Amino acid sequence: AWAPNFAGSAPKTNIVAAAPVPEPTTVAALGLGLLALARRRRARA
């Protein structure tokens, strides 16, 4: 019973707290991370 409550409350608080300012920074960080993973996968392959 705690799982749905936690899953329902955590994302809302995170979105409300993080949405206003760090959206571009988080998006950029995710993009850089994906690019790094893609480069590593290509290099290994």
C-alpha atoms as a PDB file:
ATOM      1  CA  ALA A   1       0.000   0.000   0.000  1.00  0.00           C
ATOM      2  CA  TRP A   2       3.001   2.316   0.494  1.00  0.00           C
ATOM      3  CA  ALA A   3       4.278   1.913  -3.069  1.00  0.00           C
ATOM      4  CA  PRO A   4       1.418   3.715  -4.904  1.00  0.00           C
ATOM      5  CA  ASN A   5       1.360   6.459  -2.290  1.00  0.00           C
ATOM      6  CA  PHE A   6       5.107   7.030  -2.612  1.00  0.00           C
ATOM      7  CA  ALA A   7       4.978   6.852  -6.400  1.00  0.00           C
ATOM      8  CA  GLY A   8       2.056   9.269  -6.448  1.00  0.00           C
ATOM      9  CA  SER A   9       3.567  11.827  -4.090  1.00  0.00           C
ATOM     10  CA  ALA A  10       7.247  11.800  -5.067  1.00  0.00           C
ATOM     11  CA  PRO A  11       6.930  12.751  -8.775  1.00  0.00           C
ATOM     12  CA  LYS A  12       4.537  15.592  -8.005  1.00  0.00           C
ATOM     13  CA  THR A  13       6.879  17.158  -5.445  1.00  0.00           C
ATOM     14  CA  ASN A  14       9.887  16.632  -7.714  1.00  0.00           C
ATOM     15  CA  ILE A  15       8.139  18.189 -10.720  1.00  0.00           C
ATOM     16  CA  VAL A  16       6.823  21.154  -8.729  1.00  0.00           C
ATOM     17  CA  ALA A  17      10.219  21.764  -7.135  1.00  0.00           C
ATOM     18  CA  ALA A  18      12.362  21.176 -10.219  1.00  0.00           C
ATOM     19  CA  ALA A  19      10.164  22.398 -13.078  1.00  0.00           C
ATOM     20  CA  PRO A  20      10.498  26.208 -12.715  1.00  0.00           C
ATOM     21  CA  VAL A  21      14.289  26.640 -12.893  1.00  0.00           C
ATOM     22  CA  PRO A  22      16.446  23.620 -13.823  1.00  0.00           C
ATOM     23  CA  GLU A  23      14.453  22.312 -16.799  1.00  0.00           C
ATOM     24  CA  PRO A  24      17.036  23.345 -19.430  1.00  0.00           C
ATOM     25  CA  THR A  25      19.940  22.189 -17.268  1.00  0.00           C
ATOM     26  CA  THR A  26      18.371  18.802 -16.582  1.00  0.00           C
ATOM     27  CA  VAL A  27      17.478  18.365 -20.258  1.00  0.00           C
ATOM     28  CA  ALA A  28      21.028  19.289 -21.245  1.00  0.00           C
ATOM     29  CA  ALA A  29      22.471  16.900 -18.658  1.00  0.00           C
ATOM     30  CA  LEU A  30      20.253  14.066 -19.883  1.00  0.00           C
ATOM     31  CA  GLY A  31      21.205  14.825 -23.483  1.00  0.00           C
ATOM     32  CA  LEU A  32      24.907  14.815 -22.644  1.00  0.00           C
ATOM     33  CA  GLY A  33      24.479  11.559 -20.728  1.00  0.00           C
ATOM     34  CA  LEU A  34      22.681   9.921 -23.658  1.00  0.00           C
ATOM     35  CA  LEU A  35      25.356  11.147 -26.061  1.00  0.00           C
ATOM     36  CA  ALA A  36      28.073   9.767 -23.780  1.00  0.00           C
ATOM     37  CA  LEU A  37      26.317   6.396 -23.594  1.00  0.00           C
ATOM     38  CA  ALA A  38      25.870   6.346 -27.382  1.00  0.00           C
ATOM     39  CA  ARG A  39      29.560   7.164 -27.904  1.00  0.00           C
ATOM     40  CA  ARG A  40      30.611   4.452 -25.462  1.00  0.00           C
ATOM     41  CA  ARG A  41      28.325   1.901 -27.132  1.00  0.00           C
ATOM     42  CA  ARG A  42      29.639   2.847 -30.589  1.00  0.00           C
ATOM     43  CA  ALA A  43      33.242   2.690 -29.408  1.00  0.00           C
ATOM     44  CA  ARG A  44      32.735  -0.727 -27.787  1.00  0.00           C
ATOM     45  CA  ALA A  45      30.814  -2.077 -30.781  1.00  0.00           C
END
